[in-house]
Amino acid sequence: MMKYPKPLKAGSKIAITAFSAGVPAAMHARLDNALDYLAQQGFELEVGECLRDNHNYVSADVKTRANELLGYLLDDTIDAIMPPWGGAIAMDLLTLLNWEKLAHAQPKWLIGFSDVSTLLSAVTCKLGWASVHATNLMQLNVHQQDALTVGLFNHLRRAPNDSFTQFPSTHFEAEPLNFVDFPDAGFNLSASTQWRILANGNHRQQFAGRLLGGCLDIHMLLAGTEYFDLDAFSQAHPDESIILYFENGEMPPAAYYRALQSINLRGWFSKVAGVLIGRNPEPLAKDSDWTHLDALQNVFTGCDFPVLYDVDIGHQAPNLTLINGAYAEVTVGDTFSITQTLI
């Protein structure tokens, strides 16, 4: 059984800690803006020491970051933990957390994407906690009113056994605004969204399974470890399929192909009912005749499951709220939708 944290409500306490990259001084105005947004939603905030600095990719030394995160994970007055954003080396913390103690702690919502997903997968695979791949804290703003972003905390207010449905955004952010110059800006939603289904020979109109995934850049490295173990996750849900989802942080097409193929060679795609792939930032493909779509075709052509791509997942906002461990039903066709049930 998945362990779902308590539904959020007015007065719930959210801890803010940068267990990967911290926030440099030039971005403090934006950080304060995002914290104000959480307070306006009625949440109590616990702001950590690992936050308002960034040096060599991190907010503080690894032991300080690990101890602060562990303290929040073990503190049962904390209802959720939300880093400001991702980074590069959250994997530093994985062996420093006391997983035996955490196994007896009350689950907390851990929220974010990019390098945050390193810890999302770890708490889901090792502890059985549901975790939340969604908008990062630094993207939250009173001026940002698209349905996917605004829906985040509404979904986390739901009780176990509840369901919610999300649809594709209408537009996405191809070129983000500079938060240094515009600390109160919302997303620059200027490009039309179109989820697509890969022409890989499969035309199934609906599929279902437990969600698991995150940033491919790190998950290709963690795959098969105890921190991202699809075999163990599958064994914990023996009568259900899996829906894997991935987004690309920094990989051009050839590296992207190798990352997906490394998952394929482990046999993991044989366990899935379908795969969701986030949008690939266009600048990553400018120096190559081979595209990210070519990479997808090379990995997935002939597979007997649907592959959706250009989905609202990852570094081109907005983001779906995808709950690792939740049971999801995906509808494909003229209208796409994802319904998640907290069971």
C-alpha atoms as a PDB file:
ATOM      1  CA  MET A   1       0.000   0.000   0.000  1.00  0.00           C
ATOM      2  CA  MET A   2       1.182   3.496  -0.815  1.00  0.00           C
ATOM      3  CA  LYS A   3       1.602   5.810   2.162  1.00  0.00           C
ATOM      4  CA  TYR A   4      -0.051   9.151   1.450  1.00  0.00           C
ATOM      5  CA  PRO A   5       0.813  12.177   3.592  1.00  0.00           C
ATOM      6  CA  LYS A   6      -1.978  14.045   5.313  1.00  0.00           C
ATOM      7  CA  PRO A   7      -3.991  16.341   3.019  1.00  0.00           C
ATOM      8  CA  LEU A   8      -2.768  19.920   3.169  1.00  0.00           C
ATOM      9  CA  LYS A   9      -5.067  22.539   4.686  1.00  0.00           C
ATOM     10  CA  ALA A  10      -4.936  26.058   6.057  1.00  0.00           C
ATOM     11  CA  GLY A  11      -2.302  26.069   8.773  1.00  0.00           C
ATOM     12  CA  SER A  12      -0.323  23.133   7.377  1.00  0.00           C
ATOM     13  CA  LYS A  13       3.405  23.661   7.840  1.00  0.00           C
ATOM     14  CA  ILE A  14       5.691  23.638   4.796  1.00  0.00           C
ATOM     15  CA  ALA A  15       9.463  23.461   5.341  1.00  0.00           C
ATOM     16  CA  ILE A  16      11.667  25.273   2.829  1.00  0.00           C
ATOM     17  CA  THR A  17      15.179  23.891   2.378  1.00  0.00           C
ATOM     18  CA  ALA A  18      17.552  23.810  -0.597  1.00  0.00           C
ATOM     19  CA  PHE A  19      19.005  20.307  -0.430  1.00  0.00           C
ATOM     20  CA  SER A  20      20.564  20.823  -3.874  1.00  0.00           C
ATOM     21  CA  ALA A  21      21.123  24.304  -5.365  1.00  0.00           C
ATOM     22  CA  GLY A  22      20.561  27.325  -3.163  1.00  0.00           C
ATOM     23  CA  VAL A  23      19.306  30.778  -4.088  1.00  0.00           C
ATOM     24  CA  PRO A  24      21.922  33.468  -4.782  1.00  0.00           C
ATOM     25  CA  ALA A  25      21.409  37.029  -3.579  1.00  0.00           C
ATOM     26  CA  ALA A  26      20.293  38.274  -6.996  1.00  0.00           C
ATOM     27  CA  MET A  27      17.259  35.963  -6.776  1.00  0.00           C
ATOM     28  CA  HIS A  28      16.245  36.686  -3.179  1.00  0.00           C
ATOM     29  CA  ALA A  29      13.479  39.056  -4.258  1.00  0.00           C
ATOM     30  CA  ARG A  30      11.934  36.255  -6.303  1.00  0.00           C
ATOM     31  CA  LEU A  31      12.315  33.813  -3.402  1.00  0.00           C
ATOM     32  CA  ASP A  32      10.566  36.222  -1.038  1.00  0.00           C
ATOM     33  CA  ASN A  33       7.814  36.616  -3.605  1.00  0.00           C
ATOM     34  CA  ALA A  34       7.303  32.835  -3.737  1.00  0.00           C
ATOM     35  CA  LEU A  35       7.316  32.522   0.065  1.00  0.00           C
ATOM     36  CA  ASP A  36       4.698  35.255   0.275  1.00  0.00           C
ATOM     37  CA  TYR A  37       2.577  33.261  -2.164  1.00  0.00           C
ATOM     38  CA  LEU A  38       2.666  30.197   0.110  1.00  0.00           C
ATOM     39  CA  ALA A  39       1.712  32.332   3.101  1.00  0.00           C
ATOM     40  CA  GLN A  40      -1.209  33.776   1.132  1.00  0.00           C
ATOM     41  CA  GLN A  41      -2.419  30.198   0.554  1.00  0.00           C
ATOM     42  CA  GLY A  42      -2.764  29.858   4.329  1.00  0.00           C
ATOM     43  CA  PHE A  43       0.339  27.751   4.988  1.00  0.00           C
ATOM     44  CA  GLU A  44       2.707  28.152   7.920  1.00  0.00           C
ATOM     45  CA  LEU A  45       6.345  28.259   6.787  1.00  0.00           C
ATOM     46  CA  GLU A  46       9.474  26.775   8.393  1.00  0.00           C
ATOM     47  CA  VAL A  47      12.398  28.338   6.542  1.00  0.00           C
ATOM     48  CA  GLY A  48      15.699  26.482   6.787  1.00  0.00           C
ATOM     49  CA  GLU A  49      19.282  27.691   6.940  1.00  0.00           C
ATOM     50  CA  CYS A  50      20.179  25.902   3.682  1.00  0.00           C
ATOM     51  CA  LEU A  51      18.528  28.326   1.314  1.00  0.00           C
ATOM     52  CA  ARG A  52      19.899  31.824   0.648  1.00  0.00           C
ATOM     53  CA  ASP A  53      23.346  30.943  -0.686  1.00  0.00           C
ATOM     54  CA  ASN A  54      24.721  29.005  -3.636  1.00  0.00           C
ATOM     55  CA  HIS A  55      28.352  27.986  -4.119  1.00  0.00           C
ATOM     56  CA  ASN A  56      29.669  25.209  -6.355  1.00  0.00           C
ATOM     57  CA  TYR A  57      26.127  24.092  -7.191  1.00  0.00           C
ATOM     58  CA  VAL A  58      24.883  23.777  -3.602  1.00  0.00           C
ATOM     59  CA  SER A  59      23.373  25.777  -0.751  1.00  0.00           C
ATOM     60  CA  ALA A  60      25.732  24.370   1.928  1.00  0.00           C
ATOM     61  CA  ASP A  61      28.077  21.465   2.594  1.00  0.00           C
ATOM     62  CA  VAL A  62      26.586  18.017   2.151  1.00  0.00           C
ATOM     63  CA  LYS A  63      26.297  17.122   5.849  1.00  0.00           C
ATOM     64  CA  THR A  64      24.512  20.376   6.649  1.00  0.00           C
ATOM     65  CA  ARG A  65      22.075  19.873   3.787  1.00  0.00           C
ATOM     66  CA  ALA A  66      21.455  16.235   4.714  1.00  0.00           C
ATOM     67  CA  ASN A  67      20.937  17.003   8.403  1.00  0.00           C
ATOM     68  CA  GLU A  68      18.480  19.797   7.692  1.00  0.00           C
ATOM     69  CA  LEU A  69      16.463  17.695   5.260  1.00  0.00           C
ATOM     70  CA  LEU A  70      16.489  14.685   7.592  1.00  0.00           C
ATOM     71  CA  GLY A  71      15.336  16.856  10.474  1.00  0.00           C
ATOM     72  CA  TYR A  72      12.340  18.036   8.479  1.00  0.00           C
ATOM     73  CA  LEU A  73      11.516  14.526   7.247  1.00  0.00           C
ATOM     74  CA  LEU A  74      11.511  13.248  10.835  1.00  0.00           C
ATOM     75  CA  ASP A  75       9.613  16.213  12.292  1.00  0.00           C
ATOM     76  CA  ASP A  76       5.955  15.234  12.386  1.00  0.00           C
ATOM     77  CA  THR A  77       4.850  18.850  12.799  1.00  0.00           C
ATOM     78  CA  ILE A  78       5.997  19.318   9.172  1.00  0.00           C
ATOM     79  CA  ASP A  79       3.384  18.486   6.518  1.00  0.00           C
ATOM     80  CA  ALA A  80       5.357  19.194   3.335  1.00  0.00           C
ATOM     81  CA  ILE A  81       8.861  20.042   2.168  1.00  0.00           C
ATOM     82  CA  MET A  82       9.442  22.280  -0.822  1.00  0.00           C
ATOM     83  CA  PRO A  83      12.930  23.170  -2.086  1.00  0.00           C
ATOM     84  CA  PRO A  84      13.243  26.396  -4.087  1.00  0.00           C
ATOM     85  CA  TRP A  85      14.241  24.458  -7.217  1.00  0.00           C
ATOM     86  CA  GLY A  86      16.474  21.602  -8.369  1.00  0.00           C
ATOM     87  CA  GLY A  87      20.182  21.755  -9.088  1.00  0.00           C
ATOM     88  CA  ALA A  88      22.796  19.158  -9.944  1.00  0.00           C
ATOM     89  CA  ILE A  89      23.932  16.923  -7.080  1.00  0.00           C
ATOM     90  CA  ALA A  90      21.086  16.083  -4.722  1.00  0.00           C
ATOM     91  CA  MET A  91      22.330  12.494  -5.032  1.00  0.00           C
ATOM     92  CA  ASP A  92      25.002  13.543  -2.481  1.00  0.00           C
ATOM     93  CA  LEU A  93      22.400  13.148   0.237  1.00  0.00           C
ATOM     94  CA  LEU A  94      21.107   9.676  -0.542  1.00  0.00           C
ATOM     95  CA  THR A  95      23.564   7.700   1.574  1.00  0.00           C
ATOM     96  CA  LEU A  96      23.558  10.249   4.421  1.00  0.00           C
ATOM     97  CA  LEU A  97      19.863  10.067   5.267  1.00  0.00           C
ATOM     98  CA  ASN A  98      18.848   7.690   8.054  1.00  0.00           C
ATOM     99  CA  TRP A  99      16.400   5.535   6.121  1.00  0.00           C
ATOM    100  CA  GLU A 100      15.760   3.230   9.091  1.00  0.00           C
ATOM    101  CA  LYS A 101      14.470   6.148  11.164  1.00  0.00           C
ATOM    102  CA  LEU A 102      12.517   7.503   8.220  1.00  0.00           C
ATOM    103  CA  ALA A 103      10.699   4.189   7.863  1.00  0.00           C
ATOM    104  CA  HIS A 104       8.964   4.996  11.179  1.00  0.00           C
ATOM    105  CA  ALA A 105       8.250   8.672  10.432  1.00  0.00           C
ATOM    106  CA  GLN A 106       4.948  10.140   9.316  1.00  0.00           C
ATOM    107  CA  PRO A 107       4.997  10.690   5.532  1.00  0.00           C
ATOM    108  CA  LYS A 108       5.395  14.256   4.289  1.00  0.00           C
ATOM    109  CA  TRP A 109       4.698  15.690   0.856  1.00  0.00           C
ATOM    110  CA  LEU A 110       7.997  16.320  -0.946  1.00  0.00           C
ATOM    111  CA  ILE A 111       7.360  18.663  -3.876  1.00  0.00           C
ATOM    112  CA  GLY A 112       9.265  19.802  -6.970  1.00  0.00           C
ATOM    113  CA  PHE A 113      10.939  18.687 -10.177  1.00  0.00           C
ATOM    114  CA  SER A 114      14.371  18.557 -11.853  1.00  0.00           C
ATOM    115  CA  ASP A 115      17.009  17.502  -9.276  1.00  0.00           C
ATOM    116  CA  VAL A 116      14.302  17.492  -6.596  1.00  0.00           C
ATOM    117  CA  SER A 117      13.061  14.310  -8.292  1.00  0.00           C
ATOM    118  CA  THR A 118      16.202  12.530  -7.073  1.00  0.00           C
ATOM    119  CA  LEU A 119      14.688  12.570  -3.572  1.00  0.00           C
ATOM    120  CA  LEU A 120      11.134  12.093  -4.818  1.00  0.00           C
ATOM    121  CA  SER A 121      11.985   8.698  -6.295  1.00  0.00           C
ATOM    122  CA  ALA A 122      14.086   7.750  -3.285  1.00  0.00           C
ATOM    123  CA  VAL A 123      11.310   8.294  -0.715  1.00  0.00           C
ATOM    124  CA  THR A 124       8.782   6.540  -2.964  1.00  0.00           C
ATOM    125  CA  CYS A 125      10.974   3.524  -3.726  1.00  0.00           C
ATOM    126  CA  LYS A 126      12.543   3.102  -0.266  1.00  0.00           C
ATOM    127  CA  LEU A 127       9.733   4.251   2.032  1.00  0.00           C
ATOM    128  CA  GLY A 128       6.585   3.776  -0.038  1.00  0.00           C
ATOM    129  CA  TRP A 129       5.690   7.461   0.412  1.00  0.00           C
ATOM    130  CA  ALA A 130       3.769   9.205  -2.333  1.00  0.00           C
ATOM    131  CA  SER A 131       5.785  12.187  -3.612  1.00  0.00           C
ATOM    132  CA  VAL A 132       4.942  15.094  -5.898  1.00  0.00           C
ATOM    133  CA  HIS A 133       6.593  15.916  -9.237  1.00  0.00           C
ATOM    134  CA  ALA A 134       5.241  19.410  -9.856  1.00  0.00           C
ATOM    135  CA  THR A 135       5.959  23.131 -10.113  1.00  0.00           C
ATOM    136  CA  ASN A 136       9.019  24.305  -8.173  1.00  0.00           C
ATOM    137  CA  LEU A 137       8.685  26.875  -5.399  1.00  0.00           C
ATOM    138  CA  MET A 138      10.539  29.597  -7.348  1.00  0.00           C
ATOM    139  CA  GLN A 139       7.914  29.367 -10.093  1.00  0.00           C
ATOM    140  CA  LEU A 140       5.007  30.129  -7.768  1.00  0.00           C
ATOM    141  CA  ASN A 141       3.624  33.619  -7.963  1.00  0.00           C
ATOM    142  CA  VAL A 142       0.336  35.418  -7.447  1.00  0.00           C
ATOM    143  CA  HIS A 143       0.524  36.514 -11.107  1.00  0.00           C
ATOM    144  CA  GLN A 144       0.824  32.950 -12.390  1.00  0.00           C
ATOM    145  CA  GLN A 145      -2.735  31.767 -12.941  1.00  0.00           C
ATOM    146  CA  ASP A 146      -2.593  28.872 -15.429  1.00  0.00           C
ATOM    147  CA  ALA A 147      -4.752  25.908 -14.411  1.00  0.00           C
ATOM    148  CA  LEU A 148      -1.924  23.401 -13.920  1.00  0.00           C
ATOM    149  CA  THR A 149       0.089  25.635 -11.593  1.00  0.00           C
ATOM    150  CA  VAL A 150      -2.861  26.925  -9.602  1.00  0.00           C
ATOM    151  CA  GLY A 151      -4.123  23.364  -9.201  1.00  0.00           C
ATOM    152  CA  LEU A 152      -1.060  22.091  -7.319  1.00  0.00           C
ATOM    153  CA  PHE A 153      -2.225  22.723  -3.755  1.00  0.00           C
ATOM    154  CA  ASN A 154      -5.837  21.895  -4.582  1.00  0.00           C
ATOM    155  CA  HIS A 155      -4.679  18.389  -5.499  1.00  0.00           C
ATOM    156  CA  LEU A 156      -2.617  18.062  -2.325  1.00  0.00           C
ATOM    157  CA  ARG A 157      -5.651  18.929  -0.230  1.00  0.00           C
ATOM    158  CA  ARG A 158      -7.326  15.700  -1.354  1.00  0.00           C
ATOM    159  CA  ALA A 159      -7.805  12.763   0.994  1.00  0.00           C
ATOM    160  CA  PRO A 160      -6.780   9.155   0.297  1.00  0.00           C
ATOM    161  CA  ASN A 161      -9.093   7.456  -2.226  1.00  0.00           C
ATOM    162  CA  ASP A 162      -9.927  10.798  -3.860  1.00  0.00           C
ATOM    163  CA  SER A 163      -9.312  11.341  -7.586  1.00  0.00           C
ATOM    164  CA  PHE A 164      -8.478  14.363  -9.723  1.00  0.00           C
ATOM    165  CA  THR A 165      -8.158  14.891 -13.475  1.00  0.00           C
ATOM    166  CA  GLN A 166      -5.777  17.162 -15.372  1.00  0.00           C
ATOM    167  CA  PHE A 167      -5.753  18.202 -19.024  1.00  0.00           C
ATOM    168  CA  PRO A 168      -2.985  19.647 -21.210  1.00  0.00           C
ATOM    169  CA  SER A 169      -2.131  23.301 -20.797  1.00  0.00           C
ATOM    170  CA  THR A 170      -3.141  25.634 -23.609  1.00  0.00           C
ATOM    171  CA  HIS A 171       0.312  27.283 -23.839  1.00  0.00           C
ATOM    172  CA  PHE A 172       3.808  26.706 -22.471  1.00  0.00           C
ATOM    173  CA  GLU A 173       6.881  28.778 -21.721  1.00  0.00           C
ATOM    174  CA  ALA A 174       9.394  28.391 -24.557  1.00  0.00           C
ATOM    175  CA  GLU A 175      11.526  31.302 -23.319  1.00  0.00           C
ATOM    176  CA  PRO A 176      11.298  32.053 -19.574  1.00  0.00           C
ATOM    177  CA  LEU A 177      11.542  35.553 -18.185  1.00  0.00           C
ATOM    178  CA  ASN A 178      14.572  36.601 -16.161  1.00  0.00           C
ATOM    179  CA  PHE A 179      13.539  36.495 -12.505  1.00  0.00           C
ATOM    180  CA  VAL A 180      16.463  38.751 -11.560  1.00  0.00           C
ATOM    181  CA  ASP A 181      15.061  41.596 -13.626  1.00  0.00           C
ATOM    182  CA  PHE A 182      11.404  40.618 -13.137  1.00  0.00           C
ATOM    183  CA  PRO A 183      11.103  39.068  -9.663  1.00  0.00           C
ATOM    184  CA  ASP A 184       7.296  39.131  -9.656  1.00  0.00           C
ATOM    185  CA  ALA A 185       6.787  37.786 -13.186  1.00  0.00           C
ATOM    186  CA  GLY A 186       4.492  34.932 -14.087  1.00  0.00           C
ATOM    187  CA  PHE A 187       5.267  32.440 -16.833  1.00  0.00           C
ATOM    188  CA  ASN A 188       5.789  33.670 -20.389  1.00  0.00           C
ATOM    189  CA  LEU A 189       3.218  31.261 -21.863  1.00  0.00           C
ATOM    190  CA  SER A 190       3.733  32.125 -25.529  1.00  0.00           C
ATOM    191  CA  ALA A 191       3.870  28.752 -27.363  1.00  0.00           C
ATOM    192  CA  SER A 192       0.892  26.509 -28.076  1.00  0.00           C
ATOM    193  CA  THR A 193       0.818  23.190 -26.213  1.00  0.00           C
ATOM    194  CA  GLN A 194       0.197  19.965 -28.127  1.00  0.00           C
ATOM    195  CA  TRP A 195       0.635  16.605 -26.472  1.00  0.00           C
ATOM    196  CA  ARG A 196       1.482  13.994 -29.066  1.00  0.00           C
ATOM    197  CA  ILE A 197       1.438  10.229 -29.303  1.00  0.00           C
ATOM    198  CA  LEU A 198       4.491   8.588 -30.829  1.00  0.00           C
ATOM    199  CA  ALA A 199       3.868   6.738 -34.087  1.00  0.00           C
ATOM    200  CA  ASN A 200       5.408   3.518 -32.774  1.00  0.00           C
ATOM    201  CA  GLY A 201       2.747   1.084 -33.956  1.00  0.00           C
ATOM    202  CA  ASN A 202       0.621   1.283 -30.815  1.00  0.00           C
ATOM    203  CA  HIS A 203      -2.728   3.066 -30.951  1.00  0.00           C
ATOM    204  CA  ARG A 204      -4.260   2.206 -27.584  1.00  0.00           C
ATOM    205  CA  GLN A 205      -6.684   4.926 -26.484  1.00  0.00           C
ATOM    206  CA  GLN A 206      -6.364   4.391 -22.744  1.00  0.00           C
ATOM    207  CA  PHE A 207      -3.834   2.935 -20.309  1.00  0.00           C
ATOM    208  CA  ALA A 208      -3.423   2.821 -16.543  1.00  0.00           C
ATOM    209  CA  GLY A 209      -0.857   2.094 -13.850  1.00  0.00           C
ATOM    210  CA  ARG A 210       1.156   3.460 -10.925  1.00  0.00           C
ATOM    211  CA  LEU A 211       3.154   6.604 -11.683  1.00  0.00           C
ATOM    212  CA  LEU A 212       6.915   6.777 -11.198  1.00  0.00           C
ATOM    213  CA  GLY A 213       9.592   8.941 -12.804  1.00  0.00           C
ATOM    214  CA  GLY A 214      11.408  12.255 -12.854  1.00  0.00           C
ATOM    215  CA  CYS A 215      14.363  13.981 -14.474  1.00  0.00           C
ATOM    216  CA  LEU A 216      15.979  11.559 -16.927  1.00  0.00           C
ATOM    217  CA  ASP A 217      19.436  13.117 -16.502  1.00  0.00           C
ATOM    218  CA  ILE A 218      19.672  11.726 -12.965  1.00  0.00           C
ATOM    219  CA  HIS A 219      17.280   8.779 -13.174  1.00  0.00           C
ATOM    220  CA  MET A 220      19.334   7.071 -15.860  1.00  0.00           C
ATOM    221  CA  LEU A 221      22.186   7.049 -13.314  1.00  0.00           C
ATOM    222  CA  LEU A 222      20.078   5.906 -10.358  1.00  0.00           C
ATOM    223  CA  ALA A 223      18.199   3.226 -12.299  1.00  0.00           C
ATOM    224  CA  GLY A 224      18.606  -0.150 -10.640  1.00  0.00           C
ATOM    225  CA  THR A 225      19.822   1.270  -7.347  1.00  0.00           C
ATOM    226  CA  GLU A 226      17.675   1.147  -4.228  1.00  0.00           C
ATOM    227  CA  TYR A 227      16.800   4.806  -4.825  1.00  0.00           C
ATOM    228  CA  PHE A 228      15.107   4.193  -8.200  1.00  0.00           C
ATOM    229  CA  ASP A 229      14.227   0.509  -8.271  1.00  0.00           C
ATOM    230  CA  LEU A 230      11.428  -0.308 -10.678  1.00  0.00           C
ATOM    231  CA  ASP A 231      11.730  -4.028  -9.984  1.00  0.00           C
ATOM    232  CA  ALA A 232      11.041  -3.539  -6.263  1.00  0.00           C
ATOM    233  CA  PHE A 233       8.322  -0.978  -6.992  1.00  0.00           C
ATOM    234  CA  SER A 234       6.651  -3.417  -9.376  1.00  0.00           C
ATOM    235  CA  GLN A 235       6.854  -6.249  -6.836  1.00  0.00           C
ATOM    236  CA  ALA A 236       5.157  -4.002  -4.271  1.00  0.00           C
ATOM    237  CA  HIS A 237       2.236  -3.614  -6.732  1.00  0.00           C
ATOM    238  CA  PRO A 238       2.147  -7.067  -8.344  1.00  0.00           C
ATOM    239  CA  ASP A 239      -1.309  -6.784  -9.887  1.00  0.00           C
ATOM    240  CA  GLU A 240      -0.800  -3.381 -11.484  1.00  0.00           C
ATOM    241  CA  SER A 241       1.154  -1.942 -14.374  1.00  0.00           C
ATOM    242  CA  ILE A 242       3.536   1.021 -14.183  1.00  0.00           C
ATOM    243  CA  ILE A 243       3.448   4.341 -16.027  1.00  0.00           C
ATOM    244  CA  LEU A 244       6.951   5.748 -16.286  1.00  0.00           C
ATOM    245  CA  TYR A 245       7.422   9.453 -16.977  1.00  0.00           C
ATOM    246  CA  PHE A 246      10.619  11.360 -17.760  1.00  0.00           C
ATOM    247  CA  GLU A 247      11.717  14.892 -18.551  1.00  0.00           C
ATOM    248  CA  ASN A 248      14.973  16.125 -20.034  1.00  0.00           C
ATOM    249  CA  GLY A 249      17.032  18.694 -18.167  1.00  0.00           C
ATOM    250  CA  GLU A 250      20.170  19.202 -20.236  1.00  0.00           C
ATOM    251  CA  MET A 251      20.681  16.392 -22.762  1.00  0.00           C
ATOM    252  CA  PRO A 252      21.023  16.866 -26.529  1.00  0.00           C
ATOM    253  CA  PRO A 253      19.501  14.154 -28.738  1.00  0.00           C
ATOM    254  CA  ALA A 254      22.341  11.597 -28.707  1.00  0.00           C
ATOM    255  CA  ALA A 255      22.744  11.723 -24.916  1.00  0.00           C
ATOM    256  CA  TYR A 256      18.957  11.636 -24.571  1.00  0.00           C
ATOM    257  CA  TYR A 257      18.841   8.475 -26.681  1.00  0.00           C
ATOM    258  CA  ARG A 258      21.554   6.814 -24.605  1.00  0.00           C
ATOM    259  CA  ALA A 259      19.709   7.665 -21.399  1.00  0.00           C
ATOM    260  CA  LEU A 260      16.433   6.143 -22.582  1.00  0.00           C
ATOM    261  CA  GLN A 261      18.187   3.156 -24.095  1.00  0.00           C
ATOM    262  CA  SER A 262      19.947   2.499 -20.781  1.00  0.00           C
ATOM    263  CA  ILE A 263      16.509   2.159 -19.178  1.00  0.00           C
ATOM    264  CA  ASN A 264      15.368  -0.031 -22.069  1.00  0.00           C
ATOM    265  CA  LEU A 265      18.372  -2.366 -21.717  1.00  0.00           C
ATOM    266  CA  ARG A 266      17.410  -3.005 -18.102  1.00  0.00           C
ATOM    267  CA  GLY A 267      14.136  -4.418 -19.375  1.00  0.00           C
ATOM    268  CA  TRP A 268      12.116  -1.828 -17.519  1.00  0.00           C
ATOM    269  CA  PHE A 269       9.912  -0.844 -20.427  1.00  0.00           C
ATOM    270  CA  SER A 270       8.590  -4.402 -20.467  1.00  0.00           C
ATOM    271  CA  LYS A 271       6.843  -3.585 -17.165  1.00  0.00           C
ATOM    272  CA  VAL A 272       4.955  -0.490 -18.322  1.00  0.00           C
ATOM    273  CA  ALA A 273       1.458   0.212 -19.577  1.00  0.00           C
ATOM    274  CA  GLY A 274       2.661   3.457 -21.135  1.00  0.00           C
ATOM    275  CA  VAL A 275       5.336   6.175 -21.012  1.00  0.00           C
ATOM    276  CA  LEU A 276       4.955   9.948 -20.649  1.00  0.00           C
ATOM    277  CA  ILE A 277       7.750  12.177 -21.989  1.00  0.00           C
ATOM    278  CA  GLY A 278       8.042  15.885 -21.221  1.00  0.00           C
ATOM    279  CA  ARG A 279       8.873  18.644 -23.680  1.00  0.00           C
ATOM    280  CA  ASN A 280      12.496  18.956 -24.747  1.00  0.00           C
ATOM    281  CA  PRO A 281      13.863  22.516 -24.565  1.00  0.00           C
ATOM    282  CA  GLU A 282      14.590  23.545 -28.149  1.00  0.00           C
ATOM    283  CA  PRO A 283      18.085  25.040 -27.494  1.00  0.00           C
ATOM    284  CA  LEU A 284      19.356  21.525 -26.694  1.00  0.00           C
ATOM    285  CA  ALA A 285      18.733  20.433 -30.302  1.00  0.00           C
ATOM    286  CA  LYS A 286      20.111  23.397 -32.260  1.00  0.00           C
ATOM    287  CA  ASP A 287      23.487  21.862 -33.134  1.00  0.00           C
ATOM    288  CA  SER A 288      22.213  18.479 -34.309  1.00  0.00           C
ATOM    289  CA  ASP A 289      20.495  17.119 -37.412  1.00  0.00           C
ATOM    290  CA  TRP A 290      19.243  14.272 -35.241  1.00  0.00           C
ATOM    291  CA  THR A 291      16.315  15.330 -33.057  1.00  0.00           C
ATOM    292  CA  HIS A 292      14.880  14.272 -29.733  1.00  0.00           C
ATOM    293  CA  LEU A 293      11.962  12.815 -31.683  1.00  0.00           C
ATOM    294  CA  ASP A 294      14.420  10.687 -33.669  1.00  0.00           C
ATOM    295  CA  ALA A 295      15.779   9.419 -30.357  1.00  0.00           C
ATOM    296  CA  LEU A 296      12.286   8.475 -29.167  1.00  0.00           C
ATOM    297  CA  GLN A 297      11.551   6.659 -32.413  1.00  0.00           C
ATOM    298  CA  ASN A 298      14.801   4.686 -32.166  1.00  0.00           C
ATOM    299  CA  VAL A 299      14.024   3.539 -28.624  1.00  0.00           C
ATOM    300  CA  PHE A 300      10.277   2.930 -28.802  1.00  0.00           C
ATOM    301  CA  THR A 301       9.311   1.878 -32.356  1.00  0.00           C
ATOM    302  CA  GLY A 302       7.723  -1.552 -32.168  1.00  0.00           C
ATOM    303  CA  CYS A 303       6.938  -1.363 -28.443  1.00  0.00           C
ATOM    304  CA  ASP A 304       3.476  -2.589 -27.475  1.00  0.00           C
ATOM    305  CA  PHE A 305       2.549   0.405 -25.296  1.00  0.00           C
ATOM    306  CA  PRO A 306       1.692   4.047 -26.001  1.00  0.00           C
ATOM    307  CA  VAL A 307       4.324   6.768 -25.672  1.00  0.00           C
ATOM    308  CA  LEU A 308       3.063  10.319 -25.207  1.00  0.00           C
ATOM    309  CA  TYR A 309       5.529  13.161 -25.715  1.00  0.00           C
ATOM    310  CA  ASP A 310       5.587  16.959 -25.443  1.00  0.00           C
ATOM    311  CA  VAL A 311       3.620  16.444 -22.223  1.00  0.00           C
ATOM    312  CA  ASP A 312       3.507  19.186 -19.527  1.00  0.00           C
ATOM    313  CA  ILE A 313       6.417  17.749 -17.540  1.00  0.00           C
ATOM    314  CA  GLY A 314       9.735  19.450 -16.842  1.00  0.00           C
ATOM    315  CA  HIS A 315      11.744  22.529 -17.599  1.00  0.00           C
ATOM    316  CA  GLN A 316       9.313  24.265 -19.958  1.00  0.00           C
ATOM    317  CA  ALA A 317       6.484  25.395 -17.689  1.00  0.00           C
ATOM    318  CA  PRO A 318       3.762  24.714 -16.735  1.00  0.00           C
ATOM    319  CA  ASN A 319       3.933  21.341 -14.998  1.00  0.00           C
ATOM    320  CA  LEU A 320       1.357  18.694 -14.276  1.00  0.00           C
ATOM    321  CA  THR A 321       1.067  17.554 -10.686  1.00  0.00           C
ATOM    322  CA  LEU A 322       2.179  13.911 -10.923  1.00  0.00           C
ATOM    323  CA  ILE A 323       2.066  11.934  -7.686  1.00  0.00           C
ATOM    324  CA  ASN A 324       4.613   9.142  -7.600  1.00  0.00           C
ATOM    325  CA  GLY A 325       2.800   5.991  -6.501  1.00  0.00           C
ATOM    326  CA  ALA A 326      -0.694   7.208  -7.380  1.00  0.00           C
ATOM    327  CA  TYR A 327      -2.850   5.098  -9.687  1.00  0.00           C
ATOM    328  CA  ALA A 328      -3.267   6.964 -12.975  1.00  0.00           C
ATOM    329  CA  GLU A 329      -5.535   6.498 -15.969  1.00  0.00           C
ATOM    330  CA  VAL A 330      -4.431   8.214 -19.183  1.00  0.00           C
ATOM    331  CA  THR A 331      -6.820   8.903 -22.058  1.00  0.00           C
ATOM    332  CA  VAL A 332      -5.356   9.424 -25.523  1.00  0.00           C
ATOM    333  CA  GLY A 333      -6.961  10.963 -28.584  1.00  0.00           C
ATOM    334  CA  ASP A 334      -8.531  14.267 -29.601  1.00  0.00           C
ATOM    335  CA  THR A 335      -8.700  15.048 -25.872  1.00  0.00           C
ATOM    336  CA  PHE A 336      -5.887  13.952 -23.576  1.00  0.00           C
ATOM    337  CA  SER A 337      -6.357  13.607 -19.834  1.00  0.00           C
ATOM    338  CA  ILE A 338      -4.692  12.106 -16.765  1.00  0.00           C
ATOM    339  CA  THR A 339      -6.786  11.037 -13.787  1.00  0.00           C
ATOM    340  CA  GLN A 340      -4.959  10.125 -10.586  1.00  0.00           C
ATOM    341  CA  THR A 341      -6.486   8.267  -7.655  1.00  0.00           C
ATOM    342  CA  LEU A 342      -4.828   8.279  -4.225  1.00  0.00           C
ATOM    343  CA  ILE A 343      -5.077   4.577  -3.509  1.00  0.00           C
END
